[in-house]
Amino acid sequence: MFYPYDPTMILLIPAIILALYAQFKVQSTYAQMSKVKSGKGLTGAEAGRKLLDSNGLKSIGIEHIAGNLTDNYDPRDKTLHLSEGVYNNDSIAAIGIVAHEIGHAVQDSKAYAPLKIRAGLVPMASLGSNLAIPLFFLGLIFGSTKLMDVGIIAFSIAVAFTIITLPVEFNASKRAVAMLSDGGYLSQDELPMAKKVLDAAALTYVAATAMAVLNLIRLLALRGSRDE
């Protein structure tokens, strides 16, 4: 029987707390560092162009997109998309974010293995994240362990995607700090501030992974109760 109260929900509390903290941390750190101007005075778009060119990525374009913290590098169209708060901003936060996204562009150019694995998982992970929970709980409600198992398998692919995302993001930030330091885009006093922005952003991925893993454990616990 399926009860409205699900005691396994308690497993998600640590991940929920971490997710809320990570969101607060990234927003507050970005707000703080976006007010600190970089010594070089380069805007995000200007720094992005120089960083791309210095890495032999002159063919990659830069586009201005709407939103806040919506910055991304799209390997499909080989374009760096910069948000309103980054494109024309010369803050340390903007420079750090740009360098991080270019870190992804460098990964793409060098066929970085975790990035390729993540890209290969995208279609299945997207399908899994959308269908897994409904399938599982339909199986739970109607007593179909086979449907529950399909849901778990589908959700496991989505979990794998969040896990492989961690080394991709950490590596991009590591590349970003190295590029900014080696190229003299930020001073030694400014680098720790840029790193604070990148570390805060990385925490959101850690929180997402924790939520996914604990959700999988929850589903397995519910599935196991059907065998008792």
Protein backbone atom coordinates (compact mmCIF):
# COMPACT_ATOMS: atom_id res chain seq x y z
CA MET A 1 0.00 0.00 0.00
CA PHE A 2 1.21 3.55 -0.77
CA TYR A 3 0.93 6.01 2.11
CA PRO A 4 0.74 9.80 1.75
CA TYR A 5 3.41 10.05 4.43
CA ASP A 6 6.68 8.68 3.13
CA PRO A 7 9.23 8.15 5.95
CA THR A 8 12.07 7.79 3.43
CA MET A 9 11.77 11.53 2.70
CA ILE A 10 13.90 12.10 5.80
CA LEU A 11 16.87 10.81 3.78
CA LEU A 12 16.69 13.95 1.62
CA ILE A 13 16.90 16.46 4.47
CA PRO A 14 20.74 16.76 4.45
CA ALA A 15 20.75 17.32 0.68
CA ILE A 16 17.95 19.88 0.91
CA ILE A 17 19.86 21.82 3.58
CA LEU A 18 23.04 21.65 1.50
CA ALA A 19 21.18 22.81 -1.64
CA LEU A 20 19.70 25.81 0.19
CA TYR A 21 23.09 26.73 1.60
CA ALA A 22 24.78 26.34 -1.79
CA GLN A 23 22.20 28.58 -3.45
CA PHE A 24 22.66 31.21 -0.76
CA LYS A 25 26.44 30.95 -1.02
CA VAL A 26 26.62 31.35 -4.79
CA GLN A 27 24.18 34.27 -4.82
CA SER A 28 25.85 36.14 -1.96
CA THR A 29 29.40 35.52 -3.20
CA TYR A 30 28.50 36.58 -6.74
CA ALA A 31 26.76 39.72 -5.45
CA GLN A 32 29.82 40.61 -3.39
CA MET A 33 32.47 39.93 -6.04
CA SER A 34 30.49 41.49 -8.88
CA LYS A 35 31.03 44.82 -7.14
CA VAL A 36 34.82 44.42 -7.02
CA LYS A 37 36.43 45.74 -10.20
CA SER A 38 39.40 43.87 -11.64
CA GLY A 39 42.68 45.71 -11.87
CA LYS A 40 43.03 45.13 -15.61
CA GLY A 41 39.62 46.70 -16.31
CA LEU A 42 38.68 44.10 -18.93
CA THR A 43 35.01 43.28 -19.37
CA GLY A 44 33.87 39.68 -19.42
CA ALA A 45 33.57 39.75 -23.21
CA GLU A 46 37.02 41.31 -23.64
CA ALA A 47 38.68 38.86 -21.28
CA GLY A 48 36.80 36.01 -22.93
CA ARG A 49 38.07 36.92 -26.38
CA LYS A 50 41.66 37.16 -25.17
CA LEU A 51 41.46 33.89 -23.28
CA LEU A 52 39.92 32.05 -26.22
CA ASP A 53 42.52 33.40 -28.64
CA SER A 54 45.41 32.56 -26.31
CA ASN A 55 44.17 28.97 -26.14
CA GLY A 56 43.99 28.65 -29.93
CA LEU A 57 40.18 28.89 -29.94
CA LYS A 58 39.77 31.88 -32.25
CA SER A 59 36.88 30.23 -34.10
CA ILE A 60 34.70 30.22 -30.98
CA GLY A 61 32.29 33.14 -30.89
CA ILE A 62 30.94 35.08 -27.93
CA GLU A 63 27.26 35.92 -27.60
CA HIS A 64 25.36 38.11 -25.16
CA ILE A 65 22.38 36.31 -23.59
CA ALA A 66 19.66 37.35 -21.16
CA GLY A 67 19.46 36.37 -17.54
CA ASN A 68 21.70 36.26 -14.49
CA LEU A 69 24.29 33.51 -14.00
CA THR A 70 23.12 31.91 -17.23
CA ASP A 71 26.63 31.83 -18.68
CA ASN A 72 27.62 28.69 -20.55
CA TYR A 73 29.79 27.22 -23.27
CA ASP A 74 27.78 25.20 -25.78
CA PRO A 75 29.90 22.49 -27.45
CA ARG A 76 27.19 22.00 -30.09
CA ASP A 77 27.52 25.45 -31.67
CA LYS A 78 31.02 26.17 -30.30
CA THR A 79 29.85 29.43 -28.76
CA LEU A 80 30.50 31.12 -25.41
CA HIS A 81 27.26 32.59 -24.07
CA LEU A 82 27.67 35.36 -21.50
CA SER A 83 24.91 36.78 -19.33
CA GLU A 84 24.02 40.42 -18.86
CA GLY A 85 25.96 40.66 -15.60
CA VAL A 86 29.12 39.25 -17.15
CA TYR A 87 29.35 40.36 -20.78
CA ASN A 88 29.94 44.08 -20.12
CA ASN A 89 31.08 43.78 -16.52
CA ASP A 90 34.71 44.24 -15.50
CA SER A 91 34.33 42.71 -12.04
CA ILE A 92 36.38 39.89 -10.58
CA ALA A 93 33.25 37.73 -10.53
CA ALA A 94 32.70 38.28 -14.25
CA ILE A 95 36.30 37.45 -15.14
CA GLY A 96 36.21 34.29 -13.02
CA ILE A 97 32.97 33.08 -14.57
CA VAL A 98 34.22 33.74 -18.10
CA ALA A 99 37.43 31.84 -17.43
CA HIS A 100 35.45 28.90 -16.03
CA GLU A 101 33.29 28.65 -19.15
CA ILE A 102 36.38 28.87 -21.34
CA GLY A 103 37.74 26.03 -19.25
CA HIS A 104 34.87 23.99 -20.70
CA ALA A 105 35.77 25.17 -24.20
CA VAL A 106 39.34 23.99 -23.65
CA GLN A 107 38.04 20.66 -22.36
CA ASP A 108 35.99 20.33 -25.54
CA SER A 109 38.95 21.13 -27.76
CA LYS A 110 41.13 18.58 -25.98
CA ALA A 111 38.41 15.87 -25.94
CA TYR A 112 38.48 15.77 -22.15
CA ALA A 113 37.12 12.30 -21.31
CA PRO A 114 34.65 13.18 -18.51
CA LEU A 115 33.14 15.91 -20.71
CA LYS A 116 32.66 13.44 -23.57
CA ILE A 117 31.08 10.90 -21.21
CA ARG A 118 28.73 13.55 -19.83
CA ALA A 119 27.74 14.64 -23.33
CA GLY A 120 26.97 11.04 -24.22
CA LEU A 121 24.75 10.68 -21.17
CA VAL A 122 22.69 13.82 -21.85
CA PRO A 123 19.84 12.22 -23.89
CA MET A 124 19.40 9.25 -21.55
CA ALA A 125 19.85 11.36 -18.40
CA SER A 126 17.25 13.85 -19.58
CA LEU A 127 14.77 11.09 -20.32
CA GLY A 128 15.58 9.34 -17.07
CA SER A 129 15.15 12.42 -14.90
CA ASN A 130 11.73 13.12 -16.44
CA LEU A 131 10.31 9.59 -16.41
CA ALA A 132 12.07 7.75 -13.59
CA ILE A 133 10.13 9.06 -10.59
CA PRO A 134 6.67 8.81 -12.22
CA LEU A 135 7.43 5.26 -13.40
CA PHE A 136 8.73 4.22 -10.00
CA PHE A 137 5.77 5.53 -8.05
CA LEU A 138 3.27 4.14 -10.53
CA GLY A 139 4.91 0.79 -9.88
CA LEU A 140 4.76 1.41 -6.13
CA ILE A 141 1.07 2.36 -6.20
CA PHE A 142 -0.01 -0.52 -8.43
CA GLY A 143 2.33 -3.10 -6.96
CA SER A 144 4.47 -3.57 -10.08
CA THR A 145 8.06 -4.28 -9.03
CA LYS A 146 9.10 -4.44 -12.70
CA LEU A 147 7.93 -0.86 -13.24
CA MET A 148 9.72 0.19 -10.07
CA ASP A 149 12.92 -1.43 -11.35
CA VAL A 150 12.64 0.39 -14.68
CA GLY A 151 12.25 3.64 -12.78
CA ILE A 152 15.34 2.90 -10.67
CA ILE A 153 17.43 2.05 -13.74
CA ALA A 154 16.31 5.24 -15.48
CA PHE A 155 17.04 7.33 -12.40
CA SER A 156 20.46 5.69 -12.01
CA ILE A 157 21.46 7.12 -15.39
CA ALA A 158 20.45 10.59 -14.22
CA VAL A 159 22.50 10.06 -11.06
CA ALA A 160 25.51 8.98 -13.14
CA PHE A 161 25.17 12.23 -15.08
CA THR A 162 25.33 14.34 -11.92
CA ILE A 163 28.34 12.39 -10.66
CA ILE A 164 30.34 12.75 -13.89
CA THR A 165 29.48 16.47 -13.87
CA LEU A 166 31.62 16.99 -10.75
CA PRO A 167 35.06 16.34 -12.29
CA VAL A 168 34.00 18.33 -15.38
CA GLU A 169 33.16 21.39 -13.28
CA PHE A 170 36.10 21.08 -10.90
CA ASN A 171 38.53 20.71 -13.79
CA ALA A 172 37.06 23.74 -15.59
CA SER A 173 37.57 25.85 -12.47
CA LYS A 174 41.12 24.56 -12.07
CA ARG A 175 41.87 25.51 -15.66
CA ALA A 176 40.24 28.90 -15.11
CA VAL A 177 42.43 29.81 -12.15
CA ALA A 178 45.56 28.68 -14.01
CA MET A 179 44.64 30.72 -17.11
CA LEU A 180 43.92 33.84 -15.10
CA SER A 181 47.16 33.50 -13.15
CA ASP A 182 49.45 32.57 -16.03
CA GLY A 183 48.00 35.23 -18.33
CA GLY A 184 48.11 37.95 -15.70
CA TYR A 185 44.40 38.69 -16.05
CA LEU A 186 44.08 38.89 -12.28
CA SER A 187 46.68 39.79 -9.68
CA GLN A 188 47.72 37.39 -6.92
CA ASP A 189 45.49 39.36 -4.57
CA GLU A 190 42.52 39.07 -6.91
CA LEU A 191 42.82 35.35 -7.69
CA PRO A 192 41.50 34.17 -4.30
CA MET A 193 38.40 36.33 -4.79
CA ALA A 194 37.73 34.79 -8.20
CA LYS A 195 38.27 31.36 -6.70
CA LYS A 196 35.64 32.11 -4.05
CA VAL A 197 33.09 32.65 -6.81
CA LEU A 198 34.07 29.41 -8.56
CA ASP A 199 34.07 27.41 -5.32
CA ALA A 200 30.59 28.69 -4.46
CA ALA A 201 29.33 27.69 -7.89
CA ALA A 202 30.94 24.25 -7.54
CA LEU A 203 29.06 23.72 -4.29
CA THR A 204 25.76 23.83 -6.19
CA TYR A 205 26.91 20.84 -8.26
CA VAL A 206 27.93 18.98 -5.10
CA ALA A 207 24.49 19.66 -3.66
CA ALA A 208 22.78 18.43 -6.83
CA THR A 209 24.81 15.24 -6.73
CA ALA A 210 24.03 14.66 -3.06
CA MET A 211 20.33 15.13 -3.76
CA ALA A 212 20.44 12.69 -6.68
CA VAL A 213 22.36 10.01 -4.77
CA LEU A 214 20.14 10.25 -1.69
CA ASN A 215 17.05 10.12 -3.88
CA LEU A 216 18.37 6.92 -5.45
CA ILE A 217 19.00 5.43 -2.01
CA ARG A 218 15.44 6.41 -1.09
CA LEU A 219 14.02 4.64 -4.14
CA LEU A 220 16.07 1.54 -3.38
CA ALA A 221 14.80 1.56 0.21
CA LEU A 222 11.20 1.74 -1.00
CA ARG A 223 11.88 -0.99 -3.53
CA GLY A 224 13.44 -3.17 -0.85
CA SER A 225 10.35 -2.82 1.34
CA ARG A 226 8.38 -4.58 -1.41
CA ASP A 227 10.51 -7.70 -1.01
CA GLU A 228 9.89 -7.98 2.71
